[in-house]
Amino acid sequence: MAAWEFERNSEVVRVEPKGPLLVSIGTATDLAVEAAIAGVGIICTFDDWLRPYFDSGALEPVLEPWWQRFSGPFLYYSGRRLVPAPLRAFIDFITVAAPPARQRFPKRKRSGAI
């Protein structure tokens, strides 16, 4: 489990998550979000991914002054005419699945929420 990093005024704090339920983001993001909504714990991931839950009141942002800024993720690939089929499928999926705000590449934040 990767440590959570929080930053404010050039001060960085690393927190090693501990507890009876640890979910590595990327492997079971839906489980982590549902656990946070159920009040089991805190989730730390991208602000845009949690924004609908903040807006609905299902999750409450915490430690906002400590959220790190993040301008990605970005996908770089050659502009060759023949893009391998798996990469083409991934690009097409991301283009359709990404919310419009992600397609414009605004500034990102990492989020903590309960």
PDB file of N, CA and C in Angstrom:
ATOM      1  N   MET A   1       0.851  -1.179   0.000  1.00  0.00           N
ATOM      2  CA  MET A   1       0.000   0.000   0.000  1.00  0.00           C
ATOM      3  C   MET A   1       0.889   1.232   0.000  1.00  0.00           C
ATOM      4  N   ALA A   2       0.679   2.089  -0.964  1.00  0.00           N
ATOM      5  CA  ALA A   2       1.486   3.309  -1.065  1.00  0.00           C
ATOM      6  C   ALA A   2       1.083   4.299   0.026  1.00  0.00           C
ATOM      7  N   ALA A   3       2.062   5.042   0.509  1.00  0.00           N
ATOM      8  CA  ALA A   3       1.785   6.072   1.513  1.00  0.00           C
ATOM      9  C   ALA A   3       1.004   7.213   0.859  1.00  0.00           C
ATOM     10  N   TRP A   4       0.153   7.856   1.638  1.00  0.00           N
ATOM     11  CA  TRP A   4      -0.553   9.046   1.172  1.00  0.00           C
ATOM     12  C   TRP A   4       0.344  10.231   1.464  1.00  0.00           C
ATOM     13  N   GLU A   5       0.470  11.141   0.506  1.00  0.00           N
ATOM     14  CA  GLU A   5       1.263  12.349   0.694  1.00  0.00           C
ATOM     15  C   GLU A   5       0.363  13.570   0.631  1.00  0.00           C
ATOM     16  N   PHE A   6       0.548  14.448   1.600  1.00  0.00           N
ATOM     17  CA  PHE A   6      -0.185  15.697   1.658  1.00  0.00           C
ATOM     18  C   PHE A   6       0.826  16.830   1.708  1.00  0.00           C
ATOM     19  N   GLU A   7       0.492  17.953   1.073  1.00  0.00           N
ATOM     20  CA  GLU A   7       1.438  19.061   0.992  1.00  0.00           C
ATOM     21  C   GLU A   7       0.725  20.384   1.243  1.00  0.00           C
ATOM     22  N   ARG A   8       1.385  21.248   2.015  1.00  0.00           N
ATOM     23  CA  ARG A   8       0.878  22.597   2.272  1.00  0.00           C
ATOM     24  C   ARG A   8       2.064  23.495   2.556  1.00  0.00           C
ATOM     25  N   ASN A   9       2.151  24.607   1.841  1.00  0.00           N
ATOM     26  CA  ASN A   9       3.247  25.578   2.041  1.00  0.00           C
ATOM     27  C   ASN A   9       4.620  24.899   2.044  1.00  0.00           C
ATOM     28  N   SER A  10       4.857  24.040   1.087  1.00  0.00           N
ATOM     29  CA  SER A  10       6.121  23.310   0.918  1.00  0.00           C
ATOM     30  C   SER A  10       6.386  22.266   2.001  1.00  0.00           C
ATOM     31  N   GLU A  11       5.463  22.067   2.915  1.00  0.00           N
ATOM     32  CA  GLU A  11       5.593  21.013   3.924  1.00  0.00           C
ATOM     33  C   GLU A  11       4.886  19.763   3.410  1.00  0.00           C
ATOM     34  N   VAL A  12       5.588  18.636   3.413  1.00  0.00           N
ATOM     35  CA  VAL A  12       5.015  17.381   2.948  1.00  0.00           C
ATOM     36  C   VAL A  12       4.877  16.435   4.128  1.00  0.00           C
ATOM     37  N   VAL A  13       3.700  15.824   4.247  1.00  0.00           N
ATOM     38  CA  VAL A  13       3.435  14.854   5.295  1.00  0.00           C
ATOM     39  C   VAL A  13       3.052  13.539   4.626  1.00  0.00           C
ATOM     40  N   ARG A  14       3.713  12.462   5.034  1.00  0.00           N
ATOM     41  CA  ARG A  14       3.401  11.125   4.513  1.00  0.00           C
ATOM     42  C   ARG A  14       2.656  10.344   5.584  1.00  0.00           C
ATOM     43  N   VAL A  15       1.564   9.710   5.170  1.00  0.00           N
ATOM     44  CA  VAL A  15       0.747   8.914   6.082  1.00  0.00           C
ATOM     45  C   VAL A  15       0.690   7.496   5.543  1.00  0.00           C
ATOM     46  N   GLU A  16       1.033   6.543   6.390  1.00  0.00           N
ATOM     47  CA  GLU A  16       0.935   5.124   6.027  1.00  0.00           C
ATOM     48  C   GLU A  16      -0.449   4.638   6.439  1.00  0.00           C
ATOM     49  N   PRO A  17      -1.353   4.385   5.482  1.00  0.00           N
ATOM     50  CA  PRO A  17      -2.693   3.929   5.850  1.00  0.00           C
ATOM     51  C   PRO A  17      -2.651   2.589   6.574  1.00  0.00           C
ATOM     52  N   LYS A  18      -3.447   2.484   7.630  1.00  0.00           N
ATOM     53  CA  LYS A  18      -3.549   1.243   8.394  1.00  0.00           C
ATOM     54  C   LYS A  18      -5.012   1.025   8.741  1.00  0.00           C
ATOM     55  N   GLY A  19      -5.394  -0.200   8.913  1.00  0.00           N
ATOM     56  CA  GLY A  19      -6.762  -0.485   9.315  1.00  0.00           C
ATOM     57  C   GLY A  19      -7.206  -1.855   8.865  1.00  0.00           C
ATOM     58  N   PRO A  20      -8.422  -2.219   9.231  1.00  0.00           N
ATOM     59  CA  PRO A  20      -8.917  -3.550   8.889  1.00  0.00           C
ATOM     60  C   PRO A  20      -9.254  -3.697   7.403  1.00  0.00           C
ATOM     61  N   LEU A  21      -9.488  -2.578   6.687  1.00  0.00           N
ATOM     62  CA  LEU A  21      -9.796  -2.642   5.259  1.00  0.00           C
ATOM     63  C   LEU A  21      -8.923  -1.642   4.526  1.00  0.00           C
ATOM     64  N   LEU A  22      -7.983  -2.135   3.726  1.00  0.00           N
ATOM     65  CA  LEU A  22      -7.132  -1.287   2.895  1.00  0.00           C
ATOM     66  C   LEU A  22      -7.400  -1.661   1.446  1.00  0.00           C
ATOM     67  N   VAL A  23      -7.732  -0.661   0.645  1.00  0.00           N
ATOM     68  CA  VAL A  23      -8.031  -0.901  -0.764  1.00  0.00           C
ATOM     69  C   VAL A  23      -7.064  -0.077  -1.583  1.00  0.00           C
ATOM     70  N   SER A  24      -6.312  -0.734  -2.437  1.00  0.00           N
ATOM     71  CA  SER A  24      -5.379  -0.043  -3.307  1.00  0.00           C
ATOM     72  C   SER A  24      -6.148   0.542  -4.480  1.00  0.00           C
ATOM     73  N   ILE A  25      -6.108   1.847  -4.613  1.00  0.00           N
ATOM     74  CA  ILE A  25      -6.823   2.506  -5.701  1.00  0.00           C
ATOM     75  C   ILE A  25      -6.246   2.008  -7.019  1.00  0.00           C
ATOM     76  N   GLY A  26      -7.117   1.723  -7.932  1.00  0.00           N
ATOM     77  CA  GLY A  26      -6.712   1.160  -9.219  1.00  0.00           C
ATOM     78  C   GLY A  26      -7.115  -0.291  -9.316  1.00  0.00           C
ATOM     79  N   THR A  27      -7.136  -0.969  -8.180  1.00  0.00           N
ATOM     80  CA  THR A  27      -7.549  -2.369  -8.197  1.00  0.00           C
ATOM     81  C   THR A  27      -9.020  -2.515  -7.838  1.00  0.00           C
ATOM     82  N   ALA A  28      -9.512  -1.640  -6.983  1.00  0.00           N
ATOM     83  CA  ALA A  28     -10.903  -1.735  -6.544  1.00  0.00           C
ATOM     84  C   ALA A  28     -11.416  -0.355  -6.143  1.00  0.00           C
ATOM     85  N   THR A  29     -11.312   0.591  -7.052  1.00  0.00           N
ATOM     86  CA  THR A  29     -11.711   1.956  -6.750  1.00  0.00           C
ATOM     87  C   THR A  29     -13.175   2.031  -6.333  1.00  0.00           C
ATOM     88  N   ASP A  30     -14.035   1.284  -7.013  1.00  0.00           N
ATOM     89  CA  ASP A  30     -15.460   1.300  -6.661  1.00  0.00           C
ATOM     90  C   ASP A  30     -15.680   0.839  -5.223  1.00  0.00           C
ATOM     91  N   LEU A  31     -14.955  -0.199  -4.806  1.00  0.00           N
ATOM     92  CA  LEU A  31     -15.056  -0.690  -3.429  1.00  0.00           C
ATOM     93  C   LEU A  31     -14.607   0.385  -2.448  1.00  0.00           C
ATOM     94  N   ALA A  32     -13.513   1.070  -2.745  1.00  0.00           N
ATOM     95  CA  ALA A  32     -13.004   2.109  -1.857  1.00  0.00           C
ATOM     96  C   ALA A  32     -14.005   3.249  -1.721  1.00  0.00           C
ATOM     97  N   VAL A  33     -14.605   3.668  -2.828  1.00  0.00           N
ATOM     98  CA  VAL A  33     -15.602   4.747  -2.783  1.00  0.00           C
ATOM     99  C   VAL A  33     -16.814   4.305  -1.977  1.00  0.00           C
ATOM    100  N   GLU A  34     -17.323   3.107  -2.229  1.00  0.00           N
ATOM    101  CA  GLU A  34     -18.493   2.618  -1.504  1.00  0.00           C
ATOM    102  C   GLU A  34     -18.208   2.475  -0.015  1.00  0.00           C
ATOM    103  N   ALA A  35     -17.007   2.037   0.337  1.00  0.00           N
ATOM    104  CA  ALA A  35     -16.646   1.915   1.752  1.00  0.00           C
ATOM    105  C   ALA A  35     -16.620   3.292   2.413  1.00  0.00           C
ATOM    106  N   ALA A  36     -16.072   4.286   1.720  1.00  0.00           N
ATOM    107  CA  ALA A  36     -16.039   5.644   2.270  1.00  0.00           C
ATOM    108  C   ALA A  36     -17.458   6.192   2.444  1.00  0.00           C
ATOM    109  N   ILE A  37     -18.317   5.968   1.449  1.00  0.00           N
ATOM    110  CA  ILE A  37     -19.704   6.427   1.537  1.00  0.00           C
ATOM    111  C   ILE A  37     -20.417   5.765   2.717  1.00  0.00           C
ATOM    112  N   ALA A  38     -20.095   4.485   2.954  1.00  0.00           N
ATOM    113  CA  ALA A  38     -20.719   3.742   4.063  1.00  0.00           C
ATOM    114  C   ALA A  38     -20.162   4.166   5.421  1.00  0.00           C
ATOM    115  N   GLY A  39     -19.129   5.020   5.433  1.00  0.00           N
ATOM    116  CA  GLY A  39     -18.568   5.495   6.693  1.00  0.00           C
ATOM    117  C   GLY A  39     -17.508   4.595   7.277  1.00  0.00           C
ATOM    118  N   VAL A  40     -16.982   3.671   6.468  1.00  0.00           N
ATOM    119  CA  VAL A  40     -15.968   2.730   6.948  1.00  0.00           C
ATOM    120  C   VAL A  40     -14.614   3.412   7.116  1.00  0.00           C
ATOM    121  N   GLY A  41     -14.347   4.457   6.326  1.00  0.00           N
ATOM    122  CA  GLY A  41     -13.042   5.106   6.425  1.00  0.00           C
ATOM    123  C   GLY A  41     -12.906   6.276   5.483  1.00  0.00           C
ATOM    124  N   ILE A  42     -11.675   6.538   5.119  1.00  0.00           N
ATOM    125  CA  ILE A  42     -11.314   7.688   4.295  1.00  0.00           C
ATOM    126  C   ILE A  42     -10.762   7.182   2.966  1.00  0.00           C
ATOM    127  N   ILE A  43     -11.064   7.906   1.897  1.00  0.00           N
ATOM    128  CA  ILE A  43     -10.520   7.585   0.582  1.00  0.00           C
ATOM    129  C   ILE A  43      -9.645   8.747   0.124  1.00  0.00           C
ATOM    130  N   CYS A  44      -8.551   8.420  -0.508  1.00  0.00           N
ATOM    131  CA  CYS A  44      -7.635   9.435  -1.026  1.00  0.00           C
ATOM    132  C   CYS A  44      -7.397   9.133  -2.503  1.00  0.00           C
ATOM    133  N   THR A  45      -8.003   9.948  -3.367  1.00  0.00           N
ATOM    134  CA  THR A  45      -7.834   9.776  -4.813  1.00  0.00           C
ATOM    135  C   THR A  45      -8.088  11.116  -5.491  1.00  0.00           C
ATOM    136  N   PHE A  46      -8.193  11.131  -6.793  1.00  0.00           N
ATOM    137  CA  PHE A  46      -8.325  12.365  -7.549  1.00  0.00           C
ATOM    138  C   PHE A  46      -9.648  13.069  -7.264  1.00  0.00           C
ATOM    139  N   ASP A  47      -9.560  14.370  -7.126  1.00  0.00           N
ATOM    140  CA  ASP A  47     -10.722  15.210  -6.848  1.00  0.00           C
ATOM    141  C   ASP A  47     -11.823  14.990  -7.887  1.00  0.00           C
ATOM    142  N   ASP A  48     -11.474  14.950  -9.159  1.00  0.00           N
ATOM    143  CA  ASP A  48     -12.484  14.784 -10.203  1.00  0.00           C
ATOM    144  C   ASP A  48     -13.253  13.481 -10.063  1.00  0.00           C
ATOM    145  N   TRP A  49     -12.601  12.441  -9.598  1.00  0.00           N
ATOM    146  CA  TRP A  49     -13.266  11.144  -9.447  1.00  0.00           C
ATOM    147  C   TRP A  49     -14.279  11.183  -8.314  1.00  0.00           C
ATOM    148  N   LEU A  50     -14.007  12.010  -7.309  1.00  0.00           N
ATOM    149  CA  LEU A  50     -14.900  12.096  -6.151  1.00  0.00           C
ATOM    150  C   LEU A  50     -15.889  13.252  -6.229  1.00  0.00           C
ATOM    151  N   ARG A  51     -15.701  14.151  -7.178  1.00  0.00           N
ATOM    152  CA  ARG A  51     -16.535  15.355  -7.274  1.00  0.00           C
ATOM    153  C   ARG A  51     -18.033  15.044  -7.269  1.00  0.00           C
ATOM    154  N   PRO A  52     -18.535  14.053  -8.021  1.00  0.00           N
ATOM    155  CA  PRO A  52     -19.977  13.780  -7.975  1.00  0.00           C
ATOM    156  C   PRO A  52     -20.464  13.415  -6.566  1.00  0.00           C
ATOM    157  N   TYR A  53     -19.627  12.750  -5.791  1.00  0.00           N
ATOM    158  CA  TYR A  53     -19.999  12.353  -4.427  1.00  0.00           C
ATOM    159  C   TYR A  53     -19.947  13.554  -3.485  1.00  0.00           C
ATOM    160  N   PHE A  54     -19.015  14.481  -3.717  1.00  0.00           N
ATOM    161  CA  PHE A  54     -18.980  15.718  -2.939  1.00  0.00           C
ATOM    162  C   PHE A  54     -20.223  16.547  -3.248  1.00  0.00           C
ATOM    163  N   ASP A  55     -20.530  16.673  -4.542  1.00  0.00           N
ATOM    164  CA  ASP A  55     -21.669  17.496  -4.960  1.00  0.00           C
ATOM    165  C   ASP A  55     -22.988  16.958  -4.428  1.00  0.00           C
ATOM    166  N   SER A  56     -23.122  15.632  -4.343  1.00  0.00           N
ATOM    167  CA  SER A  56     -24.374  15.034  -3.850  1.00  0.00           C
ATOM    168  C   SER A  56     -24.440  14.996  -2.327  1.00  0.00           C
ATOM    169  N   GLY A  57     -23.306  15.227  -1.658  1.00  0.00           N
ATOM    170  CA  GLY A  57     -23.269  15.166  -0.204  1.00  0.00           C
ATOM    171  C   GLY A  57     -22.977  13.778   0.341  1.00  0.00           C
ATOM    172  N   ALA A  58     -22.740  12.809  -0.555  1.00  0.00           N
ATOM    173  CA  ALA A  58     -22.443  11.445  -0.112  1.00  0.00           C
ATOM    174  C   ALA A  58     -21.079  11.380   0.572  1.00  0.00           C
ATOM    175  N   LEU A  59     -20.138  12.224   0.140  1.00  0.00           N
ATOM    176  CA  LEU A  59     -18.813  12.313   0.760  1.00  0.00           C
ATOM    177  C   LEU A  59     -18.538  13.758   1.141  1.00  0.00           C
ATOM    178  N   GLU A  60     -17.737  13.921   2.171  1.00  0.00           N
ATOM    179  CA  GLU A  60     -17.357  15.244   2.664  1.00  0.00           C
ATOM    180  C   GLU A  60     -15.848  15.416   2.490  1.00  0.00           C
ATOM    181  N   PRO A  61     -15.389  16.456   1.786  1.00  0.00           N
ATOM    182  CA  PRO A  61     -13.947  16.655   1.639  1.00  0.00           C
ATOM    183  C   PRO A  61     -13.297  16.998   2.983  1.00  0.00           C
ATOM    184  N   VAL A  62     -12.119  16.445   3.224  1.00  0.00           N
ATOM    185  CA  VAL A  62     -11.353  16.763   4.431  1.00  0.00           C
ATOM    186  C   VAL A  62      -9.921  17.120   4.031  1.00  0.00           C
ATOM    187  N   LEU A  63      -9.266  17.896   4.848  1.00  0.00           N
ATOM    188  CA  LEU A  63      -7.867  18.284   4.654  1.00  0.00           C
ATOM    189  C   LEU A  63      -7.610  19.003   3.330  1.00  0.00           C
ATOM    190  N   GLU A  64      -8.592  19.746   2.811  1.00  0.00           N
ATOM    191  CA  GLU A  64      -8.432  20.398   1.507  1.00  0.00           C
ATOM    192  C   GLU A  64      -7.185  21.265   1.394  1.00  0.00           C
ATOM    193  N   PRO A  65      -6.788  22.018   2.426  1.00  0.00           N
ATOM    194  CA  PRO A  65      -5.569  22.818   2.282  1.00  0.00           C
ATOM    195  C   PRO A  65      -4.320  21.957   2.024  1.00  0.00           C
ATOM    196  N   TRP A  66      -4.394  20.663   2.288  1.00  0.00           N
ATOM    197  CA  TRP A  66      -3.253  19.767   2.121  1.00  0.00           C
ATOM    198  C   TRP A  66      -3.288  18.982   0.810  1.00  0.00           C
ATOM    199  N   TRP A  67      -4.327  19.116   0.013  1.00  0.00           N
ATOM    200  CA  TRP A  67      -4.417  18.353  -1.224  1.00  0.00           C
ATOM    201  C   TRP A  67      -3.313  18.753  -2.178  1.00  0.00           C
ATOM    202  N   GLN A  68      -2.684  17.773  -2.789  1.00  0.00           N
ATOM    203  CA  GLN A  68      -1.647  18.031  -3.779  1.00  0.00           C
ATOM    204  C   GLN A  68      -2.281  18.349  -5.120  1.00  0.00           C
ATOM    205  N   ARG A  69      -1.649  19.218  -5.861  1.00  0.00           N
ATOM    206  CA  ARG A  69      -2.099  19.543  -7.211  1.00  0.00           C
ATOM    207  C   ARG A  69      -1.541  18.492  -8.160  1.00  0.00           C
ATOM    208  N   PHE A  70      -2.344  18.107  -9.128  1.00  0.00           N
ATOM    209  CA  PHE A  70      -1.927  17.083 -10.095  1.00  0.00           C
ATOM    210  C   PHE A  70      -2.522  17.437 -11.444  1.00  0.00           C
ATOM    211  N   SER A  71      -1.705  17.560 -12.459  1.00  0.00           N
ATOM    212  CA  SER A  71      -2.185  18.007 -13.767  1.00  0.00           C
ATOM    213  C   SER A  71      -2.408  16.869 -14.751  1.00  0.00           C
ATOM    214  N   GLY A  72      -2.306  15.635 -14.355  1.00  0.00           N
ATOM    215  CA  GLY A  72      -2.454  14.498 -15.267  1.00  0.00           C
ATOM    216  C   GLY A  72      -3.704  13.734 -14.983  1.00  0.00           C
ATOM    217  N   PRO A  73      -3.834  12.513 -15.315  1.00  0.00           N
ATOM    218  CA  PRO A  73      -2.832  11.744 -16.058  1.00  0.00           C
ATOM    219  C   PRO A  73      -2.871  12.066 -17.552  1.00  0.00           C
ATOM    220  N   PHE A  74      -1.767  11.751 -18.194  1.00  0.00           N
ATOM    221  CA  PHE A  74      -1.654  11.979 -19.622  1.00  0.00           C
ATOM    222  C   PHE A  74      -1.224  10.686 -20.291  1.00  0.00           C
ATOM    223  N   LEU A  75      -1.639  10.522 -21.514  1.00  0.00           N
ATOM    224  CA  LEU A  75      -1.251   9.365 -22.309  1.00  0.00           C
ATOM    225  C   LEU A  75      -0.463   9.879 -23.498  1.00  0.00           C
ATOM    226  N   TYR A  76       0.764   9.406 -23.634  1.00  0.00           N
ATOM    227  CA  TYR A  76       1.609   9.775 -24.758  1.00  0.00           C
ATOM    228  C   TYR A  76       1.813   8.554 -25.631  1.00  0.00           C
ATOM    229  N   TYR A  77       1.627   8.729 -26.916  1.00  0.00           N
ATOM    230  CA  TYR A  77       1.881   7.637 -27.860  1.00  0.00           C
ATOM    231  C   TYR A  77       2.287   8.263 -29.189  1.00  0.00           C
ATOM    232  N   SER A  78       2.979   7.489 -29.997  1.00  0.00           N
ATOM    233  CA  SER A  78       3.434   8.020 -31.278  1.00  0.00           C
ATOM    234  C   SER A  78       2.231   8.244 -32.185  1.00  0.00           C
ATOM    235  N   GLY A  79       2.355   9.192 -33.067  1.00  0.00           N
ATOM    236  CA  GLY A  79       1.271   9.499 -33.979  1.00  0.00           C
ATOM    237  C   GLY A  79       1.313   8.631 -35.234  1.00  0.00           C
ATOM    238  N   ARG A  80       1.952   7.495 -35.118  1.00  0.00           N
ATOM    239  CA  ARG A  80       2.036   6.617 -36.285  1.00  0.00           C
ATOM    240  C   ARG A  80       0.656   6.242 -36.789  1.00  0.00           C
ATOM    241  N   ARG A  81       0.592   5.971 -38.053  1.00  0.00           N
ATOM    242  CA  ARG A  81      -0.681   5.622 -38.682  1.00  0.00           C
ATOM    243  C   ARG A  81      -1.242   4.318 -38.127  1.00  0.00           C
ATOM    244  N   LEU A  82      -0.376   3.364 -37.841  1.00  0.00           N
ATOM    245  CA  LEU A  82      -0.821   2.059 -37.357  1.00  0.00           C
ATOM    246  C   LEU A  82      -0.610   1.954 -35.844  1.00  0.00           C
ATOM    247  N   VAL A  83      -1.616   2.317 -35.101  1.00  0.00           N
ATOM    248  CA  VAL A  83      -1.588   2.199 -33.643  1.00  0.00           C
ATOM    249  C   VAL A  83      -2.019   0.776 -33.305  1.00  0.00           C
ATOM    250  N   PRO A  84      -1.261   0.059 -32.440  1.00  0.00           N
ATOM    251  CA  PRO A  84      -1.651  -1.310 -32.075  1.00  0.00           C
ATOM    252  C   PRO A  84      -3.099  -1.356 -31.566  1.00  0.00           C
ATOM    253  N   ALA A  85      -3.804  -2.402 -31.905  1.00  0.00           N
ATOM    254  CA  ALA A  85      -5.228  -2.529 -31.571  1.00  0.00           C
ATOM    255  C   ALA A  85      -5.513  -2.356 -30.082  1.00  0.00           C
ATOM    256  N   PRO A  86      -4.732  -2.970 -29.158  1.00  0.00           N
ATOM    257  CA  PRO A  86      -5.035  -2.758 -27.730  1.00  0.00           C
ATOM    258  C   PRO A  86      -4.909  -1.289 -27.321  1.00  0.00           C
ATOM    259  N   LEU A  87      -3.892  -0.591 -27.845  1.00  0.00           N
ATOM    260  CA  LEU A  87      -3.728   0.825 -27.520  1.00  0.00           C
ATOM    261  C   LEU A  87      -4.872   1.634 -28.120  1.00  0.00           C
ATOM    262  N   ARG A  88      -5.281   1.347 -29.341  1.00  0.00           N
ATOM    263  CA  ARG A  88      -6.401   2.049 -29.978  1.00  0.00           C
ATOM    264  C   ARG A  88      -7.681   1.845 -29.163  1.00  0.00           C
ATOM    265  N   ALA A  89      -7.920   0.622 -28.686  1.00  0.00           N
ATOM    266  CA  ALA A  89      -9.116   0.336 -27.884  1.00  0.00           C
ATOM    267  C   ALA A  89      -9.079   1.133 -26.580  1.00  0.00           C
ATOM    268  N   PHE A  90      -7.898   1.214 -25.951  1.00  0.00           N
ATOM    269  CA  PHE A  90      -7.755   1.973 -24.705  1.00  0.00           C
ATOM    270  C   PHE A  90      -8.005   3.459 -24.951  1.00  0.00           C
ATOM    271  N   ILE A  91      -7.416   4.012 -25.996  1.00  0.00           N
ATOM    272  CA  ILE A  91      -7.610   5.434 -26.323  1.00  0.00           C
ATOM    273  C   ILE A  91      -9.084   5.722 -26.570  1.00  0.00           C
ATOM    274  N   ASP A  92      -9.740   4.860 -27.329  1.00  0.00           N
ATOM    275  CA  ASP A  92     -11.165   5.051 -27.607  1.00  0.00           C
ATOM    276  C   ASP A  92     -11.996   4.969 -26.329  1.00  0.00           C
ATOM    277  N   PHE A  93     -11.666   4.025 -25.458  1.00  0.00           N
ATOM    278  CA  PHE A  93     -12.392   3.865 -24.196  1.00  0.00           C
ATOM    279  C   PHE A  93     -12.234   5.102 -23.317  1.00  0.00           C
ATOM    280  N   ILE A  94     -11.011   5.576 -23.158  1.00  0.00           N
ATOM    281  CA  ILE A  94     -10.749   6.744 -22.312  1.00  0.00           C
ATOM    282  C   ILE A  94     -11.436   7.979 -22.871  1.00  0.00           C
ATOM    283  N   THR A  95     -11.406   8.142 -24.168  1.00  0.00           N
ATOM    284  CA  THR A  95     -12.033   9.307 -24.796  1.00  0.00           C
ATOM    285  C   THR A  95     -13.531   9.328 -24.521  1.00  0.00           C
ATOM    286  N   VAL A  96     -14.184   8.173 -24.561  1.00  0.00           N
ATOM    287  CA  VAL A  96     -15.622   8.093 -24.319  1.00  0.00           C
ATOM    288  C   VAL A  96     -15.930   8.128 -22.823  1.00  0.00           C
ATOM    289  N   ALA A  97     -15.130   7.417 -22.008  1.00  0.00           N
ATOM    290  CA  ALA A  97     -15.416   7.258 -20.581  1.00  0.00           C
ATOM    291  C   ALA A  97     -15.071   8.489 -19.755  1.00  0.00           C
ATOM    292  N   ALA A  98     -14.109   9.285 -20.204  1.00  0.00           N
ATOM    293  CA  ALA A  98     -13.665  10.429 -19.411  1.00  0.00           C
ATOM    294  C   ALA A  98     -14.733  11.514 -19.393  1.00  0.00           C
ATOM    295  N   PRO A  99     -14.980  12.098 -18.218  1.00  0.00           N
ATOM    296  CA  PRO A  99     -15.925  13.211 -18.178  1.00  0.00           C
ATOM    297  C   PRO A  99     -15.357  14.382 -18.981  1.00  0.00           C
ATOM    298  N   PRO A 100     -16.189  15.271 -19.493  1.00  0.00           N
ATOM    299  CA  PRO A 100     -15.705  16.381 -20.324  1.00  0.00           C
ATOM    300  C   PRO A 100     -14.596  17.184 -19.669  1.00  0.00           C
ATOM    301  N   ALA A 101     -14.650  17.397 -18.337  1.00  0.00           N
ATOM    302  CA  ALA A 101     -13.607  18.183 -17.672  1.00  0.00           C
ATOM    303  C   ALA A 101     -12.247  17.524 -17.810  1.00  0.00           C
ATOM    304  N   ARG A 102     -12.185  16.203 -17.783  1.00  0.00           N
ATOM    305  CA  ARG A 102     -10.906  15.505 -17.922  1.00  0.00           C
ATOM    306  C   ARG A 102     -10.344  15.676 -19.324  1.00  0.00           C
ATOM    307  N   GLN A 103     -11.195  15.771 -20.322  1.00  0.00           N
ATOM    308  CA  GLN A 103     -10.727  15.891 -21.687  1.00  0.00           C
ATOM    309  C   GLN A 103     -10.093  17.251 -21.937  1.00  0.00           C
ATOM    310  N   ARG A 104     -10.439  18.260 -21.133  1.00  0.00           N
ATOM    311  CA  ARG A 104      -9.860  19.593 -21.301  1.00  0.00           C
ATOM    312  C   ARG A 104      -8.571  19.760 -20.507  1.00  0.00           C
ATOM    313  N   PHE A 105      -8.178  18.772 -19.718  1.00  0.00           N
ATOM    314  CA  PHE A 105      -6.947  18.770 -18.946  1.00  0.00           C
ATOM    315  C   PHE A 105      -6.820  19.945 -17.984  1.00  0.00           C
ATOM    316  N   PRO A 106      -7.796  20.161 -17.078  1.00  0.00           N
ATOM    317  CA  PRO A 106      -7.641  21.196 -16.064  1.00  0.00           C
ATOM    318  C   PRO A 106      -6.689  20.729 -14.965  1.00  0.00           C
ATOM    319  N   LYS A 107      -6.372  21.635 -14.039  1.00  0.00           N
ATOM    320  CA  LYS A 107      -5.555  21.271 -12.886  1.00  0.00           C
ATOM    321  C   LYS A 107      -6.299  20.254 -12.043  1.00  0.00           C
ATOM    322  N   ARG A 108      -5.586  19.297 -11.479  1.00  0.00           N
ATOM    323  CA  ARG A 108      -6.184  18.230 -10.675  1.00  0.00           C
ATOM    324  C   ARG A 108      -5.704  18.364  -9.236  1.00  0.00           C
ATOM    325  N   LYS A 109      -6.483  17.784  -8.326  1.00  0.00           N
ATOM    326  CA  LYS A 109      -6.095  17.688  -6.925  1.00  0.00           C
ATOM    327  C   LYS A 109      -6.261  16.254  -6.490  1.00  0.00           C
ATOM    328  N   ARG A 110      -5.454  15.833  -5.563  1.00  0.00           N
ATOM    329  CA  ARG A 110      -5.733  14.578  -4.862  1.00  0.00           C
ATOM    330  C   ARG A 110      -6.708  14.910  -3.769  1.00  0.00           C
ATOM    331  N   SER A 111      -7.526  13.963  -3.410  1.00  0.00           N
ATOM    332  CA  SER A 111      -8.579  14.237  -2.438  1.00  0.00           C
ATOM    333  C   SER A 111      -8.554  13.297  -1.274  1.00  0.00           C
ATOM    334  N   GLY A 112      -8.963  13.777  -0.147  1.00  0.00           N
ATOM    335  CA  GLY A 112      -9.272  12.946   0.998  1.00  0.00           C
ATOM    336  C   GLY A 112     -10.730  13.154   1.291  1.00  0.00           C
ATOM    337  N   ALA A 113     -11.428  12.123   1.627  1.00  0.00           N
ATOM    338  CA  ALA A 113     -12.849  12.276   1.914  1.00  0.00           C
ATOM    339  C   ALA A 113     -13.281  11.261   2.946  1.00  0.00           C
ATOM    340  N   ILE A 114     -14.310  11.606   3.703  1.00  0.00           N
ATOM    341  CA  ILE A 114     -14.925  10.633   4.587  1.00  0.00           C
ATOM    342  C   ILE A 114     -16.376  10.498   4.221  1.00  0.00           C
TER     343      ILE A 114
END
